[in-house]
Amino acid sequence: MTRTDGEITAETDRLIVRPWRLDEADRFFDMHRRMEVARWIGGRPMTSLEEADQKLRQILDSIAADPRFGAWAVLERDADVPAGSILLKPLPDGAGEIEIGWHLHPDSWGRGIATEAAHALMARGFGFGLTEIWAVANPDNRRSARVCEKLGMELLGTTTRWYHETNLMFWIGAHPGQQPSLAPDSTSGDPGTDL
């Protein structure tokens, strides 16, 4: 597979983060049709390749409008298909807060790909001026909570802000000693993790 430097959004020694391609809609669909992926990102699996194609077109249009934010494909350098998506985007119904997230195909779970790609994308975000980055995770999604911990993100508590259901609220700032600009709804109680 040939790649040009102009399409690389972020990279590590092992991974390349770059825009999805329309000819990868089958892989995108195969990832999003699986309940084990969809349950953490809205709960509704994709039902057709056409739906995947339409979503990829929306993602590419969004990146074209503002290349700082979007959802990109993550590939191991020697792979022919993406492992999944990594995203950096404004949180819904927020006041400009930026979220980092990931959705990997189950065949790519457990290999550190999400953590490594997220580190690279966080560095890119801080490099273009973000002062803080947020992550939200379902309290039962221990895999994502563990990735947040590996990224050095602080678990602040739980919140219904942004996605209007109870989620764990993780945060990281660009500078040592920095404090979060927002507080969680709750810092007490069991958020559902035993990290």
C-alpha atoms as a PDB file:
ATOM      1  CA  MET A   1       0.000   0.000   0.000  1.00  0.00           C
ATOM      2  CA  THR A   2       1.443   3.372  -0.998  1.00  0.00           C
ATOM      3  CA  ARG A   3       1.041   6.343   1.309  1.00  0.00           C
ATOM      4  CA  THR A   4       2.068   9.935   0.772  1.00  0.00           C
ATOM      5  CA  ASP A   5       3.255  12.233   3.549  1.00  0.00           C
ATOM      6  CA  GLY A   6       0.527  14.742   2.688  1.00  0.00           C
ATOM      7  CA  GLU A   7      -2.194  12.414   3.925  1.00  0.00           C
ATOM      8  CA  ILE A   8      -0.612  11.570   7.289  1.00  0.00           C
ATOM      9  CA  THR A   9      -2.331  13.322  10.198  1.00  0.00           C
ATOM     10  CA  ALA A  10      -0.158  11.812  12.959  1.00  0.00           C
ATOM     11  CA  GLU A  11       2.232   8.902  13.243  1.00  0.00           C
ATOM     12  CA  THR A  12       4.375   6.798  15.521  1.00  0.00           C
ATOM     13  CA  ASP A  13       7.076   4.267  14.715  1.00  0.00           C
ATOM     14  CA  ARG A  14       4.357   1.609  14.382  1.00  0.00           C
ATOM     15  CA  LEU A  15       1.214   3.522  13.366  1.00  0.00           C
ATOM     16  CA  ILE A  16      -0.080   5.951  10.786  1.00  0.00           C
ATOM     17  CA  VAL A  17      -3.151   8.107  11.374  1.00  0.00           C
ATOM     18  CA  ARG A  18      -4.650   9.385   8.127  1.00  0.00           C
ATOM     19  CA  PRO A  19      -8.051  10.082   6.565  1.00  0.00           C
ATOM     20  CA  TRP A  20     -10.283   7.124   5.832  1.00  0.00           C
ATOM     21  CA  ARG A  21     -10.667   6.313   2.136  1.00  0.00           C
ATOM     22  CA  LEU A  22     -14.000   5.619   0.484  1.00  0.00           C
ATOM     23  CA  ASP A  23     -12.667   2.286  -0.781  1.00  0.00           C
ATOM     24  CA  GLU A  24     -12.309   1.260   2.891  1.00  0.00           C
ATOM     25  CA  ALA A  25     -16.056   1.472   3.524  1.00  0.00           C
ATOM     26  CA  ASP A  26     -16.233  -2.321   3.806  1.00  0.00           C
ATOM     27  CA  ARG A  27     -13.766  -2.331   6.715  1.00  0.00           C
ATOM     28  CA  PHE A  28     -15.529   0.652   8.330  1.00  0.00           C
ATOM     29  CA  PHE A  29     -18.843  -1.181   7.993  1.00  0.00           C
ATOM     30  CA  ASP A  30     -17.432  -4.446   9.338  1.00  0.00           C
ATOM     31  CA  MET A  31     -16.257  -2.590  12.448  1.00  0.00           C
ATOM     32  CA  HIS A  32     -19.466  -0.618  13.030  1.00  0.00           C
ATOM     33  CA  ARG A  33     -21.874  -3.478  12.312  1.00  0.00           C
ATOM     34  CA  ARG A  34     -20.600  -5.347  15.380  1.00  0.00           C
ATOM     35  CA  MET A  35     -22.539  -4.906  18.608  1.00  0.00           C
ATOM     36  CA  GLU A  36     -19.338  -5.236  20.662  1.00  0.00           C
ATOM     37  CA  VAL A  37     -18.208  -1.951  19.030  1.00  0.00           C
ATOM     38  CA  ALA A  38     -21.573  -0.222  18.566  1.00  0.00           C
ATOM     39  CA  ARG A  39     -22.644  -0.708  22.192  1.00  0.00           C
ATOM     40  CA  TRP A  40     -20.072   1.884  23.301  1.00  0.00           C
ATOM     41  CA  ILE A  41     -20.874   4.472  20.606  1.00  0.00           C
ATOM     42  CA  GLY A  42     -24.611   4.834  20.588  1.00  0.00           C
ATOM     43  CA  GLY A  43     -25.740   1.242  20.722  1.00  0.00           C
ATOM     44  CA  ARG A  44     -26.981   0.904  17.148  1.00  0.00           C
ATOM     45  CA  PRO A  45     -24.895  -1.229  14.782  1.00  0.00           C
ATOM     46  CA  MET A  46     -24.655  -0.155  11.155  1.00  0.00           C
ATOM     47  CA  THR A  47     -26.924  -2.154   8.885  1.00  0.00           C
ATOM     48  CA  SER A  48     -25.517  -1.595   5.391  1.00  0.00           C
ATOM     49  CA  LEU A  49     -22.438  -0.790   3.373  1.00  0.00           C
ATOM     50  CA  GLU A  50     -24.328   2.231   2.024  1.00  0.00           C
ATOM     51  CA  GLU A  51     -24.665   3.585   5.577  1.00  0.00           C
ATOM     52  CA  ALA A  52     -20.912   3.167   6.065  1.00  0.00           C
ATOM     53  CA  ASP A  53     -20.179   4.936   2.783  1.00  0.00           C
ATOM     54  CA  GLN A  54     -22.447   7.835   3.739  1.00  0.00           C
ATOM     55  CA  LYS A  55     -20.812   8.151   7.184  1.00  0.00           C
ATOM     56  CA  LEU A  56     -17.321   8.114   5.648  1.00  0.00           C
ATOM     57  CA  ARG A  57     -18.347  10.901   3.266  1.00  0.00           C
ATOM     58  CA  GLN A  58     -19.583  12.966   6.241  1.00  0.00           C
ATOM     59  CA  ILE A  59     -16.306  12.327   8.086  1.00  0.00           C
ATOM     60  CA  LEU A  60     -14.219  13.389   5.075  1.00  0.00           C
ATOM     61  CA  ASP A  61     -16.362  16.521   4.549  1.00  0.00           C
ATOM     62  CA  SER A  62     -15.895  17.427   8.221  1.00  0.00           C
ATOM     63  CA  ILE A  63     -12.102  17.067   7.977  1.00  0.00           C
ATOM     64  CA  ALA A  64     -12.084  19.141   4.779  1.00  0.00           C
ATOM     65  CA  ALA A  65     -14.017  21.904   6.579  1.00  0.00           C
ATOM     66  CA  ASP A  66     -11.669  21.942   9.616  1.00  0.00           C
ATOM     67  CA  PRO A  67      -8.645  19.614   9.386  1.00  0.00           C
ATOM     68  CA  ARG A  68      -7.866  20.060  13.081  1.00  0.00           C
ATOM     69  CA  PHE A  69     -10.811  17.865  14.041  1.00  0.00           C
ATOM     70  CA  GLY A  70     -12.364  14.668  12.786  1.00  0.00           C
ATOM     71  CA  ALA A  71     -12.174  10.900  12.800  1.00  0.00           C
ATOM     72  CA  TRP A  72      -9.211   9.280  11.063  1.00  0.00           C
ATOM     73  CA  ALA A  73      -8.173   5.770  10.163  1.00  0.00           C
ATOM     74  CA  VAL A  74      -5.429   4.156  12.250  1.00  0.00           C
ATOM     75  CA  LEU A  75      -3.168   1.685  10.461  1.00  0.00           C
ATOM     76  CA  GLU A  76      -0.193  -0.330  11.498  1.00  0.00           C
ATOM     77  CA  ARG A  77       2.523   0.519   8.977  1.00  0.00           C
ATOM     78  CA  ASP A  78       2.605  -2.995   7.535  1.00  0.00           C
ATOM     79  CA  ALA A  79      -1.197  -3.459   7.420  1.00  0.00           C
ATOM     80  CA  ASP A  80      -3.467  -3.256   4.405  1.00  0.00           C
ATOM     81  CA  VAL A  81      -6.614  -2.368   6.360  1.00  0.00           C
ATOM     82  CA  PRO A  82      -7.241   0.130   9.171  1.00  0.00           C
ATOM     83  CA  ALA A  83      -7.308  -1.150  12.742  1.00  0.00           C
ATOM     84  CA  GLY A  84     -10.068   1.366  13.432  1.00  0.00           C
ATOM     85  CA  SER A  85     -10.691   5.059  14.018  1.00  0.00           C
ATOM     86  CA  ILE A  86      -9.161   7.680  16.254  1.00  0.00           C
ATOM     87  CA  LEU A  87     -11.003  10.950  16.737  1.00  0.00           C
ATOM     88  CA  LEU A  88     -10.467  14.437  18.043  1.00  0.00           C
ATOM     89  CA  LYS A  89     -13.665  16.478  17.899  1.00  0.00           C
ATOM     90  CA  PRO A  90     -15.800  19.050  19.681  1.00  0.00           C
ATOM     91  CA  LEU A  91     -18.098  17.444  22.235  1.00  0.00           C
ATOM     92  CA  PRO A  92     -21.823  17.685  21.441  1.00  0.00           C
ATOM     93  CA  ASP A  93     -23.799  20.407  23.222  1.00  0.00           C
ATOM     94  CA  GLY A  94     -20.573  21.685  24.746  1.00  0.00           C
ATOM     95  CA  ALA A  95     -18.873  25.055  24.881  1.00  0.00           C
ATOM     96  CA  GLY A  96     -15.907  24.130  22.707  1.00  0.00           C
ATOM     97  CA  GLU A  97     -14.570  21.219  24.783  1.00  0.00           C
ATOM     98  CA  ILE A  98     -12.599  18.765  22.643  1.00  0.00           C
ATOM     99  CA  GLU A  99     -12.911  14.988  22.984  1.00  0.00           C
ATOM    100  CA  ILE A 100     -10.460  12.275  22.080  1.00  0.00           C
ATOM    101  CA  GLY A 101     -11.847   8.835  21.330  1.00  0.00           C
ATOM    102  CA  TRP A 102     -11.270   5.591  19.472  1.00  0.00           C
ATOM    103  CA  HIS A 103     -13.226   2.786  17.849  1.00  0.00           C
ATOM    104  CA  LEU A 104     -11.202  -0.260  16.885  1.00  0.00           C
ATOM    105  CA  HIS A 105     -12.194  -3.394  15.056  1.00  0.00           C
ATOM    106  CA  PRO A 106     -12.219  -6.307  17.550  1.00  0.00           C
ATOM    107  CA  ASP A 107      -9.395  -7.989  15.612  1.00  0.00           C
ATOM    108  CA  SER A 108      -7.188  -5.059  16.687  1.00  0.00           C
ATOM    109  CA  TRP A 109      -8.095  -4.961  20.387  1.00  0.00           C
ATOM    110  CA  GLY A 110      -5.532  -5.614  23.104  1.00  0.00           C
ATOM    111  CA  ARG A 111      -2.427  -4.548  21.169  1.00  0.00           C
ATOM    112  CA  GLY A 112      -1.996  -0.981  22.449  1.00  0.00           C
ATOM    113  CA  ILE A 113      -3.101   0.590  19.162  1.00  0.00           C
ATOM    114  CA  ALA A 114      -5.718   2.910  20.713  1.00  0.00           C
ATOM    115  CA  THR A 115      -3.296   4.199  23.349  1.00  0.00           C
ATOM    116  CA  GLU A 116      -0.457   4.762  20.881  1.00  0.00           C
ATOM    117  CA  ALA A 117      -2.656   6.492  18.289  1.00  0.00           C
ATOM    118  CA  ALA A 118      -4.334   8.632  20.965  1.00  0.00           C
ATOM    119  CA  HIS A 119      -0.948   9.762  22.318  1.00  0.00           C
ATOM    120  CA  ALA A 120       0.036  10.901  18.823  1.00  0.00           C
ATOM    121  CA  LEU A 121      -3.259  12.688  18.217  1.00  0.00           C
ATOM    122  CA  MET A 122      -3.191  14.368  21.658  1.00  0.00           C
ATOM    123  CA  ALA A 123       0.313  15.683  20.891  1.00  0.00           C
ATOM    124  CA  ARG A 124      -1.003  17.042  17.601  1.00  0.00           C
ATOM    125  CA  GLY A 125      -3.926  18.733  19.377  1.00  0.00           C
ATOM    126  CA  PHE A 126      -1.732  20.324  22.019  1.00  0.00           C
ATOM    127  CA  GLY A 127       0.667  21.311  19.234  1.00  0.00           C
ATOM    128  CA  PHE A 128      -1.976  23.383  17.473  1.00  0.00           C
ATOM    129  CA  GLY A 129      -3.049  25.107  20.681  1.00  0.00           C
ATOM    130  CA  LEU A 130      -5.540  23.000  22.615  1.00  0.00           C
ATOM    131  CA  THR A 131      -5.162  23.620  26.344  1.00  0.00           C
ATOM    132  CA  GLU A 132      -7.125  20.564  27.494  1.00  0.00           C
ATOM    133  CA  ILE A 133      -8.615  17.373  26.078  1.00  0.00           C
ATOM    134  CA  TRP A 134     -11.549  15.361  27.408  1.00  0.00           C
ATOM    135  CA  ALA A 135     -12.619  11.741  27.101  1.00  0.00           C
ATOM    136  CA  VAL A 136     -15.912  10.174  28.082  1.00  0.00           C
ATOM    137  CA  ALA A 137     -16.535   6.490  28.583  1.00  0.00           C
ATOM    138  CA  ASN A 138     -19.470   4.348  29.559  1.00  0.00           C
ATOM    139  CA  PRO A 139     -18.896   3.237  33.169  1.00  0.00           C
ATOM    140  CA  ASP A 140     -18.909  -0.398  32.008  1.00  0.00           C
ATOM    141  CA  ASN A 141     -16.341   0.184  29.251  1.00  0.00           C
ATOM    142  CA  ARG A 142     -13.278  -0.853  31.208  1.00  0.00           C
ATOM    143  CA  ARG A 143     -11.125  -1.080  28.061  1.00  0.00           C
ATOM    144  CA  SER A 144     -11.633   2.599  27.219  1.00  0.00           C
ATOM    145  CA  ALA A 145     -11.194   3.643  30.850  1.00  0.00           C
ATOM    146  CA  ARG A 146      -7.890   1.757  30.888  1.00  0.00           C
ATOM    147  CA  VAL A 147      -6.743   3.532  27.707  1.00  0.00           C
ATOM    148  CA  CYS A 148      -7.576   6.889  29.332  1.00  0.00           C
ATOM    149  CA  GLU A 149      -5.502   5.916  32.348  1.00  0.00           C
ATOM    150  CA  LYS A 150      -2.552   4.892  30.125  1.00  0.00           C
ATOM    151  CA  LEU A 151      -2.809   8.265  28.373  1.00  0.00           C
ATOM    152  CA  GLY A 152      -2.301  10.012  31.719  1.00  0.00           C
ATOM    153  CA  MET A 153      -5.850  11.337  31.766  1.00  0.00           C
ATOM    154  CA  GLU A 154      -7.383  12.054  35.156  1.00  0.00           C
ATOM    155  CA  LEU A 155     -10.716  10.460  36.063  1.00  0.00           C
ATOM    156  CA  LEU A 156     -12.664  13.409  37.479  1.00  0.00           C
ATOM    157  CA  GLY A 157     -15.917  11.567  38.202  1.00  0.00           C
ATOM    158  CA  THR A 158     -19.134  11.074  36.281  1.00  0.00           C
ATOM    159  CA  THR A 159     -21.178  13.409  34.126  1.00  0.00           C
ATOM    160  CA  THR A 160     -24.309  13.514  31.999  1.00  0.00           C
ATOM    161  CA  ARG A 161     -22.922  16.551  30.171  1.00  0.00           C
ATOM    162  CA  TRP A 162     -22.432  16.182  26.407  1.00  0.00           C
ATOM    163  CA  TYR A 163     -24.014  12.765  25.741  1.00  0.00           C
ATOM    164  CA  HIS A 164     -26.899  13.098  28.253  1.00  0.00           C
ATOM    165  CA  GLU A 165     -26.279   9.756  29.921  1.00  0.00           C
ATOM    166  CA  THR A 166     -23.969   8.920  32.792  1.00  0.00           C
ATOM    167  CA  ASN A 167     -20.380   8.629  31.600  1.00  0.00           C
ATOM    168  CA  LEU A 168     -16.973   8.646  33.193  1.00  0.00           C
ATOM    169  CA  MET A 169     -15.316  12.037  32.693  1.00  0.00           C
ATOM    170  CA  PHE A 170     -11.571  12.002  31.941  1.00  0.00           C
ATOM    171  CA  TRP A 171      -9.351  15.053  31.435  1.00  0.00           C
ATOM    172  CA  ILE A 172      -5.790  16.016  30.580  1.00  0.00           C
ATOM    173  CA  GLY A 173      -4.266  19.479  30.360  1.00  0.00           C
ATOM    174  CA  ALA A 174      -1.507  20.777  28.155  1.00  0.00           C
ATOM    175  CA  HIS A 175       0.581  22.098  31.057  1.00  0.00           C
ATOM    176  CA  PRO A 176       1.770  20.699  34.403  1.00  0.00           C
ATOM    177  CA  GLY A 177      -0.259  21.932  37.346  1.00  0.00           C
ATOM    178  CA  GLN A 178      -3.167  22.952  35.146  1.00  0.00           C
ATOM    179  CA  GLN A 179      -6.691  22.467  36.491  1.00  0.00           C
ATOM    180  CA  PRO A 180      -9.738  21.309  34.483  1.00  0.00           C
ATOM    181  CA  SER A 181     -12.045  24.045  33.234  1.00  0.00           C
ATOM    182  CA  LEU A 182     -15.118  21.941  34.150  1.00  0.00           C
ATOM    183  CA  ALA A 183     -16.129  19.851  37.140  1.00  0.00           C
ATOM    184  CA  PRO A 184     -17.914  16.497  36.997  1.00  0.00           C
ATOM    185  CA  ASP A 185     -21.523  16.138  38.090  1.00  0.00           C
ATOM    186  CA  SER A 186     -20.404  13.676  40.761  1.00  0.00           C
ATOM    187  CA  THR A 187     -17.062  12.837  42.292  1.00  0.00           C
ATOM    188  CA  SER A 188     -18.454  10.421  44.840  1.00  0.00           C
ATOM    189  CA  GLY A 189     -19.973   7.002  44.453  1.00  0.00           C
ATOM    190  CA  ASP A 190     -18.742   4.117  42.352  1.00  0.00           C
ATOM    191  CA  PRO A 191     -18.252   5.198  38.742  1.00  0.00           C
ATOM    192  CA  GLY A 192     -18.090   1.547  37.773  1.00  0.00           C
ATOM    193  CA  THR A 193     -14.354   1.119  37.505  1.00  0.00           C
ATOM    194  CA  ASP A 194     -11.725  -0.445  39.656  1.00  0.00           C
ATOM    195  CA  LEU A 195      -8.718   0.765  37.730  1.00  0.00           C
END
